[in-house]
Amino acid sequence: MGNELITTFRKLIIFSVVAALLGVGLVYGLSYELKPANSAQTLPTTATVESVGDYAGLELTMTLEKTEYSLGEPINITLTITNISNQTISYGYADPNSFFLVYNETENEIYNSLQTQPHQPISVGVPLNAGQSLTDNYAWSQVMNVPVTSEGFPVSPGTYYIVGIGASTGPTKTTPIRVTIDNA
């Protein structure tokens, strides 16, 4: 009985180690897919997320014109909140309705568009009819404003990630869109 218990215990340990290694391999494989190494690949210029919870039925979409820019070239960003349900949704309206964040390759936030624009308090219970959209347009001039001590400091050539945030749709954010900034 004792040897049988030890054998079963050893099998359980081996199974756990193999399962852990497979899990690490899966996570590595997924992270590799999210950040392709080959910059010649066509990268998506649109990211979309559907809201959940209190804001179910709303969709936040972020669109860029392209994913490769010259140093100093403005990056135009469009953020759209759309009622994708078949009924009117009453939600908190803010001005602006959305904003965006920029992260560097080490996943540190370097820019927050909300810090550069005046905004008004959220109004509660504003109706958004089925199929209706609210759009905010931005131009990121490739400067940092996070932390505050770096405000207006130009970014270096490299890879950056832009994420759209729904200011009026609860904690809704798009998947990141990877952009590359090269010397002109």
C-alpha atoms as a PDB file:
ATOM      1  CA  MET A   1       0.000   0.000   0.000  1.00  0.00           C
ATOM      2  CA  GLY A   2       2.883   2.374   0.866  1.00  0.00           C
ATOM      3  CA  ASN A   3       4.689   1.825  -2.457  1.00  0.00           C
ATOM      4  CA  GLU A   4       1.432   2.266  -4.356  1.00  0.00           C
ATOM      5  CA  LEU A   5       0.841   5.617  -2.615  1.00  0.00           C
ATOM      6  CA  ILE A   6       4.376   6.778  -3.395  1.00  0.00           C
ATOM      7  CA  THR A   7       3.988   5.755  -7.067  1.00  0.00           C
ATOM      8  CA  THR A   8       0.660   7.606  -7.304  1.00  0.00           C
ATOM      9  CA  PHE A   9       2.223  10.667  -5.654  1.00  0.00           C
ATOM     10  CA  ARG A  10       5.152  10.615  -8.135  1.00  0.00           C
ATOM     11  CA  LYS A  11       2.735  10.362 -11.065  1.00  0.00           C
ATOM     12  CA  LEU A  12       0.779  13.326  -9.696  1.00  0.00           C
ATOM     13  CA  ILE A  13       3.963  15.414  -9.412  1.00  0.00           C
ATOM     14  CA  ILE A  14       5.059  14.489 -12.947  1.00  0.00           C
ATOM     15  CA  PHE A  15       1.583  15.292 -14.293  1.00  0.00           C
ATOM     16  CA  SER A  16       1.615  18.675 -12.496  1.00  0.00           C
ATOM     17  CA  VAL A  17       5.059  19.570 -13.863  1.00  0.00           C
ATOM     18  CA  VAL A  18       4.084  18.595 -17.428  1.00  0.00           C
ATOM     19  CA  ALA A  19       0.813  20.561 -17.148  1.00  0.00           C
ATOM     20  CA  ALA A  20       2.696  23.612 -15.852  1.00  0.00           C
ATOM     21  CA  LEU A  21       5.226  23.429 -18.691  1.00  0.00           C
ATOM     22  CA  LEU A  22       2.461  23.110 -21.272  1.00  0.00           C
ATOM     23  CA  GLY A  23       0.714  26.114 -19.715  1.00  0.00           C
ATOM     24  CA  VAL A  24       3.896  28.199 -19.902  1.00  0.00           C
ATOM     25  CA  GLY A  25       4.337  27.161 -23.531  1.00  0.00           C
ATOM     26  CA  LEU A  26       0.754  28.176 -24.312  1.00  0.00           C
ATOM     27  CA  VAL A  27       1.178  31.556 -22.611  1.00  0.00           C
ATOM     28  CA  TYR A  28       4.467  32.111 -24.457  1.00  0.00           C
ATOM     29  CA  GLY A  29       2.837  31.158 -27.745  1.00  0.00           C
ATOM     30  CA  LEU A  30      -0.081  33.525 -27.168  1.00  0.00           C
ATOM     31  CA  SER A  31       2.192  36.422 -26.165  1.00  0.00           C
ATOM     32  CA  TYR A  32       4.311  35.818 -29.267  1.00  0.00           C
ATOM     33  CA  GLU A  33       1.184  36.019 -31.413  1.00  0.00           C
ATOM     34  CA  LEU A  34       0.180  39.322 -29.792  1.00  0.00           C
ATOM     35  CA  LYS A  35       3.504  41.038 -30.572  1.00  0.00           C
ATOM     36  CA  PRO A  36       4.790  39.771 -33.924  1.00  0.00           C
ATOM     37  CA  ALA A  37       8.538  40.203 -34.372  1.00  0.00           C
ATOM     38  CA  ASN A  38       8.345  40.732 -38.124  1.00  0.00           C
ATOM     39  CA  SER A  39       7.550  44.405 -38.755  1.00  0.00           C
ATOM     40  CA  ALA A  40       6.808  43.605 -42.413  1.00  0.00           C
ATOM     41  CA  GLN A  41       3.580  41.904 -41.340  1.00  0.00           C
ATOM     42  CA  THR A  42       0.346  43.765 -41.922  1.00  0.00           C
ATOM     43  CA  LEU A  43      -0.830  44.983 -38.528  1.00  0.00           C
ATOM     44  CA  PRO A  44      -4.452  45.781 -37.695  1.00  0.00           C
ATOM     45  CA  THR A  45      -5.440  49.447 -37.722  1.00  0.00           C
ATOM     46  CA  THR A  46      -8.754  48.872 -35.922  1.00  0.00           C
ATOM     47  CA  ALA A  47      -9.462  47.519 -32.463  1.00  0.00           C
ATOM     48  CA  THR A  48     -12.959  46.893 -31.107  1.00  0.00           C
ATOM     49  CA  VAL A  49     -14.412  45.860 -27.759  1.00  0.00           C
ATOM     50  CA  GLU A  50     -18.001  45.309 -26.701  1.00  0.00           C
ATOM     51  CA  SER A  51     -18.983  46.695 -23.299  1.00  0.00           C
ATOM     52  CA  VAL A  52     -20.252  44.448 -20.551  1.00  0.00           C
ATOM     53  CA  GLY A  53     -22.164  44.937 -17.321  1.00  0.00           C
ATOM     54  CA  ASP A  54     -24.127  48.178 -17.044  1.00  0.00           C
ATOM     55  CA  TYR A  55     -23.021  49.205 -20.539  1.00  0.00           C
ATOM     56  CA  ALA A  56     -23.793  45.984 -22.424  1.00  0.00           C
ATOM     57  CA  GLY A  57     -24.858  46.768 -25.982  1.00  0.00           C
ATOM     58  CA  LEU A  58     -22.225  49.459 -26.522  1.00  0.00           C
ATOM     59  CA  GLU A  59     -19.174  48.939 -28.688  1.00  0.00           C
ATOM     60  CA  LEU A  60     -15.956  50.970 -28.533  1.00  0.00           C
ATOM     61  CA  THR A  61     -13.884  51.057 -31.727  1.00  0.00           C
ATOM     62  CA  MET A  62     -10.477  52.682 -32.203  1.00  0.00           C
ATOM     63  CA  THR A  63      -9.183  53.272 -35.737  1.00  0.00           C
ATOM     64  CA  LEU A  64      -5.793  54.516 -36.953  1.00  0.00           C
ATOM     65  CA  GLU A  65      -4.949  55.439 -40.532  1.00  0.00           C
ATOM     66  CA  LYS A  66      -1.874  53.169 -40.538  1.00  0.00           C
ATOM     67  CA  THR A  67       0.611  51.540 -38.160  1.00  0.00           C
ATOM     68  CA  GLU A  68       3.946  52.906 -39.409  1.00  0.00           C
ATOM     69  CA  TYR A  69       4.820  56.585 -38.945  1.00  0.00           C
ATOM     70  CA  SER A  70       7.796  58.865 -39.395  1.00  0.00           C
ATOM     71  CA  LEU A  71       9.227  60.549 -36.309  1.00  0.00           C
ATOM     72  CA  GLY A  72       7.194  63.702 -35.613  1.00  0.00           C
ATOM     73  CA  GLU A  73       4.290  62.730 -37.901  1.00  0.00           C
ATOM     74  CA  PRO A  74       0.915  63.183 -36.152  1.00  0.00           C
ATOM     75  CA  ILE A  75      -0.928  59.940 -35.443  1.00  0.00           C
ATOM     76  CA  ASN A  76      -4.643  60.425 -36.088  1.00  0.00           C
ATOM     77  CA  ILE A  77      -6.900  58.342 -33.858  1.00  0.00           C
ATOM     78  CA  THR A  78     -10.668  57.924 -34.096  1.00  0.00           C
ATOM     79  CA  LEU A  79     -12.622  56.517 -31.143  1.00  0.00           C
ATOM     80  CA  THR A  80     -16.289  55.637 -31.698  1.00  0.00           C
ATOM     81  CA  ILE A  81     -18.886  54.442 -29.201  1.00  0.00           C
ATOM     82  CA  THR A  82     -21.802  52.712 -30.961  1.00  0.00           C
ATOM     83  CA  ASN A  83     -25.059  51.353 -29.598  1.00  0.00           C
ATOM     84  CA  ILE A  84     -25.065  47.892 -31.186  1.00  0.00           C
ATOM     85  CA  SER A  85     -28.229  46.784 -29.405  1.00  0.00           C
ATOM     86  CA  ASN A  86     -31.734  47.088 -30.862  1.00  0.00           C
ATOM     87  CA  GLN A  87     -32.931  49.419 -28.104  1.00  0.00           C
ATOM     88  CA  THR A  88     -32.110  52.835 -26.666  1.00  0.00           C
ATOM     89  CA  ILE A  89     -29.437  52.726 -23.967  1.00  0.00           C
ATOM     90  CA  SER A  90     -29.370  55.278 -21.173  1.00  0.00           C
ATOM     91  CA  TYR A  91     -25.771  55.831 -20.176  1.00  0.00           C
ATOM     92  CA  GLY A  92     -23.454  58.345 -18.570  1.00  0.00           C
ATOM     93  CA  TYR A  93     -22.369  60.890 -21.144  1.00  0.00           C
ATOM     94  CA  ALA A  94     -18.992  62.555 -20.739  1.00  0.00           C
ATOM     95  CA  ASP A  95     -17.148  65.129 -22.793  1.00  0.00           C
ATOM     96  CA  PRO A  96     -15.002  63.635 -24.185  1.00  0.00           C
ATOM     97  CA  ASN A  97     -16.740  60.243 -24.543  1.00  0.00           C
ATOM     98  CA  SER A  98     -13.424  58.474 -24.929  1.00  0.00           C
ATOM     99  CA  PHE A  99      -9.713  58.976 -24.626  1.00  0.00           C
ATOM    100  CA  PHE A 100      -6.547  57.021 -25.410  1.00  0.00           C
ATOM    101  CA  LEU A 101      -3.366  55.897 -23.710  1.00  0.00           C
ATOM    102  CA  VAL A 102       0.046  55.223 -25.245  1.00  0.00           C
ATOM    103  CA  TYR A 103       2.469  52.654 -23.844  1.00  0.00           C
ATOM    104  CA  ASN A 104       6.101  52.064 -24.744  1.00  0.00           C
ATOM    105  CA  GLU A 105       7.685  48.656 -25.412  1.00  0.00           C
ATOM    106  CA  THR A 106       8.240  48.061 -21.688  1.00  0.00           C
ATOM    107  CA  GLU A 107       4.486  48.580 -21.103  1.00  0.00           C
ATOM    108  CA  ASN A 108       4.930  51.891 -19.274  1.00  0.00           C
ATOM    109  CA  GLU A 109       2.255  54.496 -19.928  1.00  0.00           C
ATOM    110  CA  ILE A 110       3.850  57.515 -21.603  1.00  0.00           C
ATOM    111  CA  TYR A 111       0.816  59.478 -22.808  1.00  0.00           C
ATOM    112  CA  ASN A 112      -2.760  59.992 -21.583  1.00  0.00           C
ATOM    113  CA  SER A 113      -4.936  62.141 -23.881  1.00  0.00           C
ATOM    114  CA  LEU A 114      -7.317  62.913 -21.012  1.00  0.00           C
ATOM    115  CA  GLN A 115      -4.579  65.007 -19.369  1.00  0.00           C
ATOM    116  CA  THR A 116      -4.339  67.345 -22.357  1.00  0.00           C
ATOM    117  CA  GLN A 117      -7.997  68.223 -22.874  1.00  0.00           C
ATOM    118  CA  PRO A 118     -10.618  69.853 -20.720  1.00  0.00           C
ATOM    119  CA  HIS A 119     -13.423  67.550 -19.702  1.00  0.00           C
ATOM    120  CA  GLN A 120     -16.801  68.034 -18.095  1.00  0.00           C
ATOM    121  CA  PRO A 121     -18.434  65.909 -15.414  1.00  0.00           C
ATOM    122  CA  ILE A 122     -20.439  62.874 -16.535  1.00  0.00           C
ATOM    123  CA  SER A 123     -24.149  63.450 -17.111  1.00  0.00           C
ATOM    124  CA  VAL A 124     -26.288  60.478 -16.097  1.00  0.00           C
ATOM    125  CA  GLY A 125     -29.066  58.948 -18.181  1.00  0.00           C
ATOM    126  CA  VAL A 126     -28.348  60.357 -21.639  1.00  0.00           C
ATOM    127  CA  PRO A 127     -30.122  58.236 -24.304  1.00  0.00           C
ATOM    128  CA  LEU A 128     -28.166  56.676 -27.162  1.00  0.00           C
ATOM    129  CA  ASN A 129     -30.550  55.246 -29.764  1.00  0.00           C
ATOM    130  CA  ALA A 130     -30.045  51.867 -31.454  1.00  0.00           C
ATOM    131  CA  GLY A 131     -27.323  52.175 -34.105  1.00  0.00           C
ATOM    132  CA  GLN A 132     -26.340  55.695 -32.960  1.00  0.00           C
ATOM    133  CA  SER A 133     -22.639  56.521 -32.517  1.00  0.00           C
ATOM    134  CA  LEU A 134     -20.554  59.160 -30.789  1.00  0.00           C
ATOM    135  CA  THR A 135     -17.112  59.846 -32.264  1.00  0.00           C
ATOM    136  CA  ASP A 136     -14.028  61.587 -30.871  1.00  0.00           C
ATOM    137  CA  ASN A 137     -11.056  62.412 -33.131  1.00  0.00           C
ATOM    138  CA  TYR A 138      -7.538  62.933 -31.826  1.00  0.00           C
ATOM    139  CA  ALA A 139      -4.039  63.575 -33.107  1.00  0.00           C
ATOM    140  CA  TRP A 140      -1.141  62.323 -30.988  1.00  0.00           C
ATOM    141  CA  SER A 141       1.910  64.451 -31.770  1.00  0.00           C
ATOM    142  CA  GLN A 142       4.356  61.782 -30.532  1.00  0.00           C
ATOM    143  CA  VAL A 143       5.124  63.438 -27.217  1.00  0.00           C
ATOM    144  CA  MET A 144       5.025  62.160 -23.644  1.00  0.00           C
ATOM    145  CA  ASN A 145       2.910  63.575 -20.822  1.00  0.00           C
ATOM    146  CA  VAL A 146       3.274  60.757 -18.282  1.00  0.00           C
ATOM    147  CA  PRO A 147       4.930  61.225 -15.875  1.00  0.00           C
ATOM    148  CA  VAL A 148       4.123  64.918 -15.629  1.00  0.00           C
ATOM    149  CA  THR A 149       7.842  65.761 -15.517  1.00  0.00           C
ATOM    150  CA  SER A 150       8.195  64.567 -19.120  1.00  0.00           C
ATOM    151  CA  GLU A 151       5.286  66.599 -20.517  1.00  0.00           C
ATOM    152  CA  GLY A 152       5.881  67.596 -24.122  1.00  0.00           C
ATOM    153  CA  PHE A 153       9.098  65.559 -24.409  1.00  0.00           C
ATOM    154  CA  PRO A 154       9.231  63.911 -27.867  1.00  0.00           C
ATOM    155  CA  VAL A 155       9.284  60.129 -28.091  1.00  0.00           C
ATOM    156  CA  SER A 156      12.143  58.214 -29.694  1.00  0.00           C
ATOM    157  CA  PRO A 157      11.810  55.961 -32.709  1.00  0.00           C
ATOM    158  CA  GLY A 158      10.483  52.572 -31.660  1.00  0.00           C
ATOM    159  CA  THR A 159       7.361  50.529 -31.058  1.00  0.00           C
ATOM    160  CA  TYR A 160       4.386  51.893 -29.124  1.00  0.00           C
ATOM    161  CA  TYR A 161       0.947  50.575 -28.209  1.00  0.00           C
ATOM    162  CA  ILE A 162      -2.205  52.717 -28.324  1.00  0.00           C
ATOM    163  CA  VAL A 163      -5.302  51.731 -26.320  1.00  0.00           C
ATOM    164  CA  GLY A 164      -8.726  53.369 -26.614  1.00  0.00           C
ATOM    165  CA  ILE A 165     -10.724  53.897 -23.405  1.00  0.00           C
ATOM    166  CA  GLY A 166     -14.482  54.443 -23.185  1.00  0.00           C
ATOM    167  CA  ALA A 167     -14.859  57.268 -20.658  1.00  0.00           C
ATOM    168  CA  SER A 168     -18.621  56.843 -20.647  1.00  0.00           C
ATOM    169  CA  THR A 169     -18.804  53.067 -20.975  1.00  0.00           C
ATOM    170  CA  GLY A 170     -17.414  51.890 -17.675  1.00  0.00           C
ATOM    171  CA  PRO A 171     -14.027  50.177 -17.681  1.00  0.00           C
ATOM    172  CA  THR A 172     -14.038  49.486 -21.428  1.00  0.00           C
ATOM    173  CA  LYS A 173     -10.798  49.527 -23.382  1.00  0.00           C
ATOM    174  CA  THR A 174      -9.796  48.294 -26.799  1.00  0.00           C
ATOM    175  CA  THR A 175      -7.014  45.868 -27.458  1.00  0.00           C
ATOM    176  CA  PRO A 176      -3.739  47.685 -28.140  1.00  0.00           C
ATOM    177  CA  ILE A 177      -2.800  48.689 -31.655  1.00  0.00           C
ATOM    178  CA  ARG A 178       0.945  48.473 -32.235  1.00  0.00           C
ATOM    179  CA  VAL A 179       2.536  51.398 -34.068  1.00  0.00           C
ATOM    180  CA  THR A 180       6.105  51.778 -35.239  1.00  0.00           C
ATOM    181  CA  ILE A 181       7.814  55.159 -35.345  1.00  0.00           C
ATOM    182  CA  ASP A 182      10.895  55.380 -37.584  1.00  0.00           C
ATOM    183  CA  ASN A 183      13.396  58.163 -38.265  1.00  0.00           C
ATOM    184  CA  ALA A 184      12.252  60.305 -41.191  1.00  0.00           C
END
